[in-house]
Protein backbone atom coordinates (compact mmCIF):
# COMPACT_ATOMS: atom_id res chain seq x y z
CA MET A 1 0.00 0.00 0.00
CA SER A 2 1.17 3.52 -0.75
CA ILE A 3 -0.35 6.81 0.32
CA ASN A 4 0.09 9.91 -1.79
CA LYS A 5 -3.09 11.98 -1.77
CA VAL A 6 -4.01 13.16 1.74
CA LEU A 7 -7.04 15.19 2.81
CA LEU A 8 -7.01 17.08 6.12
CA VAL A 9 -10.43 17.93 7.55
CA GLY A 10 -9.99 20.63 10.17
CA ALA A 11 -6.84 22.51 9.16
CA ASN A 12 -7.43 25.78 11.00
CA GLY A 13 -7.50 24.57 14.62
CA ASN A 14 -4.69 24.51 17.17
CA LEU A 15 -3.70 20.98 16.17
CA GLY A 16 -4.91 20.99 12.57
CA SER A 17 -2.78 23.97 11.59
CA VAL A 18 0.34 22.20 12.89
CA LEU A 19 -0.63 18.92 11.19
CA LEU A 20 -0.98 20.85 7.93
CA GLU A 21 2.45 22.40 8.44
CA GLY A 22 3.96 18.97 9.02
CA LEU A 23 2.29 17.36 6.03
CA VAL A 24 3.40 20.15 3.69
CA ALA A 25 6.94 20.31 5.13
CA SER A 26 7.41 16.56 4.66
CA ASN A 27 7.23 16.96 0.87
CA SER A 28 5.88 13.41 0.83
CA PHE A 29 2.23 13.87 -0.10
CA SER A 30 -0.17 15.73 -2.32
CA VAL A 31 -2.04 17.59 0.43
CA SER A 32 -5.63 18.77 0.22
CA VAL A 33 -7.52 20.79 2.81
CA ALA A 34 -11.26 20.46 3.29
CA LYS A 35 -13.22 23.70 3.37
CA ARG A 36 -16.88 23.66 4.33
CA ALA A 37 -19.20 25.19 1.75
CA SER A 38 -20.17 28.11 4.02
CA SER A 39 -16.64 28.82 5.28
CA LYS A 40 -15.00 32.12 4.37
CA SER A 41 -11.59 31.27 5.84
CA THR A 42 -8.46 30.54 3.83
CA PRO A 43 -6.14 27.83 5.16
CA ALA A 44 -2.43 28.33 5.58
CA HIS A 45 -0.23 27.17 2.71
CA ALA A 46 -3.12 27.91 0.34
CA SER A 47 -0.70 28.22 -2.56
CA SER A 48 0.82 24.77 -1.98
CA VAL A 49 -2.27 22.70 -1.11
CA ASN A 50 -5.47 21.81 -2.89
CA ILE A 51 -8.62 23.28 -1.34
CA VAL A 52 -11.58 20.93 -1.52
CA THR A 53 -15.11 22.09 -0.73
CA ILE A 54 -17.18 19.69 1.38
CA PRO A 55 -20.83 19.93 2.48
CA ASP A 56 -21.44 21.76 5.76
CA ASP A 57 -23.21 18.77 7.30
CA LEU A 58 -20.66 16.25 6.01
CA SER A 59 -23.40 14.17 4.41
CA ILE A 60 -22.23 10.77 3.20
CA GLU A 61 -23.74 11.31 -0.25
CA GLY A 62 -22.03 14.69 -0.57
CA LEU A 63 -18.65 13.44 0.65
CA ILE A 64 -18.24 10.26 -1.41
CA PRO A 65 -17.54 11.91 -4.81
CA ILE A 66 -14.99 14.23 -3.16
CA LEU A 67 -13.21 11.54 -1.16
CA LYS A 68 -12.82 9.22 -4.15
CA GLU A 69 -9.75 11.24 -5.08
CA GLN A 70 -8.00 10.64 -1.73
CA ASP A 71 -5.75 7.90 -0.33
CA ALA A 72 -5.99 9.11 3.29
CA VAL A 73 -8.43 11.24 5.25
CA ILE A 74 -7.45 12.86 8.54
CA ALA A 75 -10.08 14.13 10.99
CA SER A 76 -8.72 17.05 13.01
CA PHE A 77 -11.84 18.90 14.09
CA PRO A 78 -13.52 18.74 17.54
CA LEU A 79 -15.90 15.91 18.38
CA THR A 80 -18.00 17.78 20.95
CA GLY A 81 -21.56 17.96 19.65
CA VAL A 82 -20.70 16.66 16.19
CA VAL A 83 -19.70 13.02 16.64
CA ASP A 84 -22.24 12.18 13.93
CA GLN A 85 -20.12 14.16 11.45
CA HIS A 86 -17.05 12.12 12.36
CA LEU A 87 -19.01 8.90 11.89
CA ARG A 88 -20.25 10.04 8.48
CA LEU A 89 -16.74 11.07 7.45
CA ALA A 90 -15.43 7.60 8.35
CA GLU A 91 -18.26 5.85 6.51
CA ALA A 92 -17.95 8.05 3.43
CA SER A 93 -14.20 7.41 3.39
CA ALA A 94 -14.74 3.66 3.35
CA LYS A 95 -17.42 3.83 0.67
CA ALA A 96 -15.28 6.14 -1.48
CA GLY A 97 -12.32 3.74 -1.48
CA VAL A 98 -10.07 5.73 0.86
CA LYS A 99 -7.19 3.54 2.01
CA ARG A 100 -6.54 5.08 5.45
CA PHE A 101 -8.69 7.01 7.90
CA ILE A 102 -7.12 8.82 10.86
CA PRO A 103 -9.80 9.55 13.49
CA ALA A 104 -9.55 12.50 15.88
CA ASP A 105 -8.11 10.51 18.80
CA PHE A 106 -4.82 12.37 19.49
CA GLY A 107 -4.93 13.96 23.03
CA SER A 108 -5.09 13.90 25.99
CA CYS A 109 -6.24 10.54 27.30
CA ASP A 110 -6.66 7.05 25.96
CA ALA A 111 -10.25 6.64 24.78
CA GLN A 112 -9.93 2.92 25.52
CA SER A 113 -9.74 3.79 29.23
CA GLU A 114 -12.89 2.72 31.02
CA GLN A 115 -12.47 5.56 33.51
CA ALA A 116 -12.15 8.16 30.74
CA LYS A 117 -15.25 6.80 28.99
CA LYS A 118 -17.19 6.70 32.24
CA LEU A 119 -16.36 10.30 33.14
CA LEU A 120 -16.54 12.09 29.79
CA LYS A 121 -18.75 11.80 26.72
CA LEU A 122 -15.80 13.11 24.70
CA TYR A 123 -13.96 9.81 25.17
CA ARG A 124 -17.08 7.72 24.65
CA ASP A 125 -17.44 9.57 21.34
CA LYS A 126 -13.82 8.94 20.39
CA ASP A 127 -14.27 5.27 21.19
CA THR A 128 -17.46 5.18 19.11
CA VAL A 129 -15.71 6.64 16.06
CA ARG A 130 -12.79 4.23 16.35
CA SER A 131 -15.18 1.30 16.77
CA LYS A 132 -16.97 2.45 13.62
CA ALA A 133 -13.64 2.48 11.77
CA VAL A 134 -12.96 -1.06 12.98
CA GLU A 135 -16.35 -2.21 11.64
CA LEU A 136 -15.82 -0.45 8.32
CA ALA A 137 -12.38 -2.06 7.88
CA LYS A 138 -14.06 -5.47 8.15
CA GLU A 139 -16.79 -4.53 5.67
CA TYR A 140 -14.55 -2.75 3.13
CA PRO A 141 -11.28 -4.70 2.58
CA GLY A 142 -9.47 -1.75 0.99
CA PHE A 143 -10.22 0.54 3.93
CA SER A 144 -8.08 0.81 7.07
CA TRP A 145 -7.54 3.13 10.03
CA THR A 146 -4.85 4.25 12.46
CA SER A 147 -5.42 6.03 15.77
CA LEU A 148 -2.67 8.14 17.30
CA VAL A 149 -2.81 8.77 21.05
CA CYS A 150 -0.29 11.34 22.22
CA GLY A 151 -1.17 12.40 25.77
CA HIS A 152 -1.51 16.05 26.71
CA PHE A 153 -0.60 18.59 24.04
CA PHE A 154 2.38 19.79 26.04
CA ASP A 155 3.35 23.16 24.56
CA TYR A 156 -0.26 24.16 23.97
CA GLY A 157 -1.22 22.97 27.46
CA ILE A 158 1.49 25.05 29.15
CA LEU A 159 0.51 28.21 27.28
CA ASP A 160 -3.25 27.66 27.45
CA GLY A 161 -3.39 26.76 31.14
CA LEU A 162 -4.72 23.23 30.67
CA LEU A 163 -1.71 21.83 32.53
CA HIS A 164 -2.15 24.26 35.45
CA THR A 165 1.26 25.86 35.02
CA ASP A 166 0.85 29.64 35.21
CA LEU A 167 3.76 31.47 33.59
CA GLU A 168 2.43 34.82 34.78
CA THR A 169 2.45 33.94 38.50
CA ASN A 170 5.00 31.08 38.42
CA THR A 171 2.59 28.71 40.15
CA ALA A 172 1.67 25.11 39.42
CA VAL A 173 -1.09 22.81 40.64
CA ILE A 174 0.44 19.45 41.54
CA LEU A 175 -1.75 16.36 41.82
CA ASP A 176 -0.98 14.30 44.93
CA LYS A 177 2.83 14.04 45.18
CA GLY A 178 3.48 14.98 41.56
CA ASP A 179 5.56 11.85 41.03
CA VAL A 180 3.51 9.98 38.41
CA PRO A 181 5.16 9.83 34.95
CA ALA A 182 2.82 10.82 32.12
CA SER A 183 3.41 10.93 28.39
CA ALA A 184 2.83 14.24 26.63
CA SER A 185 3.52 15.50 23.12
CA THR A 186 4.25 18.83 21.52
CA LEU A 187 1.94 19.64 18.62
CA HIS A 188 4.95 19.30 16.33
CA ARG A 189 5.53 15.76 17.62
CA VAL A 190 1.93 14.83 16.79
CA ALA A 191 2.51 16.07 13.24
CA GLU A 192 5.77 14.09 13.00
CA ALA A 193 3.96 10.96 14.17
CA LEU A 194 1.17 11.47 11.63
CA VAL A 195 3.66 11.80 8.76
CA ALA A 196 5.51 8.71 10.01
CA VAL A 197 2.27 6.69 10.07
CA LEU A 198 1.31 7.73 6.54
CA LYS A 199 4.79 6.77 5.31
CA ARG A 200 4.37 3.31 6.89
CA PRO A 201 0.84 2.36 5.82
CA ASP A 202 1.33 -1.40 5.92
CA THR A 203 2.76 -1.78 9.42
CA THR A 204 0.42 0.82 10.98
CA LYS A 205 -2.76 -0.59 9.43
CA ASN A 206 -5.75 -0.99 11.77
CA ARG A 207 -3.78 -0.15 14.92
CA LEU A 208 -3.96 2.23 17.84
CA LEU A 209 -0.50 3.67 18.44
CA TYR A 210 0.91 5.65 21.37
CA VAL A 211 3.51 8.38 20.89
CA GLN A 212 5.11 11.05 23.05
CA SER A 213 7.64 13.84 23.27
CA PHE A 214 8.62 12.55 26.71
CA CYS A 215 7.19 10.84 29.78
CA LYS A 216 7.84 13.03 32.80
CA THR A 217 6.33 13.71 36.22
CA GLN A 218 4.69 17.01 37.12
CA LEU A 219 7.59 17.80 39.44
CA GLU A 220 10.08 17.25 36.62
CA VAL A 221 8.08 19.62 34.40
CA VAL A 222 8.04 22.28 37.12
CA ALA A 223 11.80 21.88 37.61
CA ALA A 224 12.25 22.53 33.88
CA LEU A 225 10.00 25.59 34.15
CA GLU A 226 12.05 26.90 37.07
CA LYS A 227 15.23 26.46 35.03
CA ALA A 228 13.72 28.24 32.01
CA THR A 229 12.22 31.15 33.95
CA GLY A 230 15.05 31.52 36.46
CA VAL A 231 12.69 31.70 39.44
CA GLU A 232 11.38 29.29 42.03
CA TRP A 233 7.79 28.21 41.39
CA LYS A 234 5.04 27.95 43.98
CA LYS A 235 3.59 24.45 44.07
CA GLU A 236 -0.02 23.95 45.15
CA PHE A 237 -0.43 20.29 46.06
CA VAL A 238 -4.01 19.00 45.72
CA ASP A 239 -5.70 15.65 46.28
CA SER A 240 -6.47 14.24 42.84
CA LYS A 241 -9.54 12.30 43.95
CA ALA A 242 -11.11 15.35 45.58
CA PHE A 243 -10.19 17.53 42.58
CA LEU A 244 -11.71 15.03 40.16
CA GLU A 245 -14.85 14.51 42.24
CA ARG A 246 -15.47 18.26 42.40
CA GLU A 247 -15.26 18.66 38.63
CA VAL A 248 -17.33 15.55 37.91
CA ASN A 249 -20.07 16.90 40.20
CA LYS A 250 -20.02 20.23 38.35
CA LEU A 251 -20.40 18.44 35.05
CA ALA A 252 -23.28 16.38 36.40
CA VAL A 253 -25.28 19.54 37.12
CA GLU A 254 -24.72 21.18 33.73
CA TYR A 255 -22.24 21.00 30.87
CA SER A 256 -19.13 23.05 31.51
CA HIS A 257 -16.21 23.15 29.09
CA HIS A 258 -13.94 24.21 31.95
CA ALA A 259 -15.01 21.26 34.12
CA MET A 260 -14.44 18.91 31.18
CA GLU A 261 -10.92 20.27 30.69
CA GLU A 262 -10.18 19.90 34.41
CA ILE A 263 -11.16 16.22 34.23
CA VAL A 264 -8.99 15.79 31.13
CA PHE A 265 -6.10 17.43 33.03
CA VAL A 266 -6.31 14.82 35.80
CA LEU A 267 -6.73 11.81 33.52
CA GLY A 268 -3.88 12.90 31.26
CA ALA A 269 -1.58 13.46 34.26
CA LEU A 270 -2.29 10.23 36.10
CA ASP A 271 -3.13 7.61 33.46
CA ALA A 272 -0.88 8.23 30.46
CA GLU A 273 2.34 6.28 30.84
CA TRP A 274 2.59 5.15 27.24
CA PRO A 275 5.94 3.26 27.43
CA LYS A 276 4.02 0.63 29.40
CA ARG A 277 1.65 -0.02 26.46
CA GLY A 278 3.77 -2.78 24.93
CA ASP A 279 3.94 -3.06 21.15
CA ALA A 280 1.38 -0.23 20.80
CA PHE A 281 4.04 2.20 22.09
CA ALA A 282 5.26 3.06 18.61
CA MET A 283 8.13 5.51 19.06
CA LYS A 284 10.88 3.21 17.78
CA GLU A 285 8.64 1.75 15.08
CA LEU A 286 7.86 5.23 13.73
CA GLY A 287 11.49 6.34 13.89
CA LEU A 288 10.85 8.88 16.66
CA GLU A 289 12.97 9.74 19.69
CA ASP A 290 12.07 11.59 22.88
CA GLU A 291 12.48 15.33 22.84
CA ASP A 292 14.57 17.15 25.45
CA LEU A 293 12.24 18.44 28.18
CA ASP A 294 14.44 21.42 29.09
CA LYS A 295 14.76 22.54 25.47
CA VAL A 296 11.03 22.21 24.82
CA VAL A 297 10.14 24.15 27.98
CA GLN A 298 12.67 26.88 27.18
CA LYS A 299 11.13 27.25 23.72
CA VAL A 300 7.63 27.52 25.23
CA VAL A 301 8.74 30.12 27.77
CA ASP A 302 10.52 32.14 25.07
CA GLU A 303 7.37 32.06 22.93
CA TRP A 304 5.26 33.20 25.88
CA LYS A 305 7.62 36.13 26.54
CA ARG A 306 7.47 37.22 22.89
CA GLU A 307 3.68 37.20 22.90
CA LYS A 308 3.24 39.05 26.20
């Protein structure tokens, strides 16, 4: 199997824009970007990619003629509230003869985790889409899928506050003792992993793969932040069970994006040690090596200073 023509659906988001950058920079594929019929935005690299118009509702009938031109389809748009669109995209891909579908698994937790699925619809939805891809691969022999699970988006999480590291006040929320290793990936690493998967279509076929930039504890991350900022950080130690219970109770009363992100923060910090996932830990297989934590953190801090 070879993959040449690649369609990215969701190229303007925080992750999608970096995936697009990685696909184009690889010089390995003919890259197309999906643009919804009502969208007025212009994707990056517009001069070096093909722009394909897709129906707003991602109807199967509307997608099939468009997807027939593609070898791989990558879903990089949010699942919240639109899981049906992801399911239709997967089904249309299979019916159109697409060779590889990449569902929007990525970060921060493993959607196979029973705890993650119990606590958040987001991960039940991710699991549903992957299960659909598994079914489609059985029904359509030429169709296959690969899921990439990368832990917290590290650089984005530091800057956005998801990881509870505040560069403005030099404070960090530490769960329990802060000594649990957890895999995390820079957005660039996710893009590298995606390119590596598409270059290895046969060995990555119908598999869920775990990748990372590194697997570090919260205390190790804070130590790197102290080194990069040149100041001692205040550490607020909290009980993870109490923290999680509080946010779960909030979510039970009414939907809260903030509460959902707080739950994701805990799950991604305490249940994401990918090197323990056996053959599914795909770093060596994909030709990837761990990044240097200190260098990555210094780059994030420098970026934050420039944007202040």
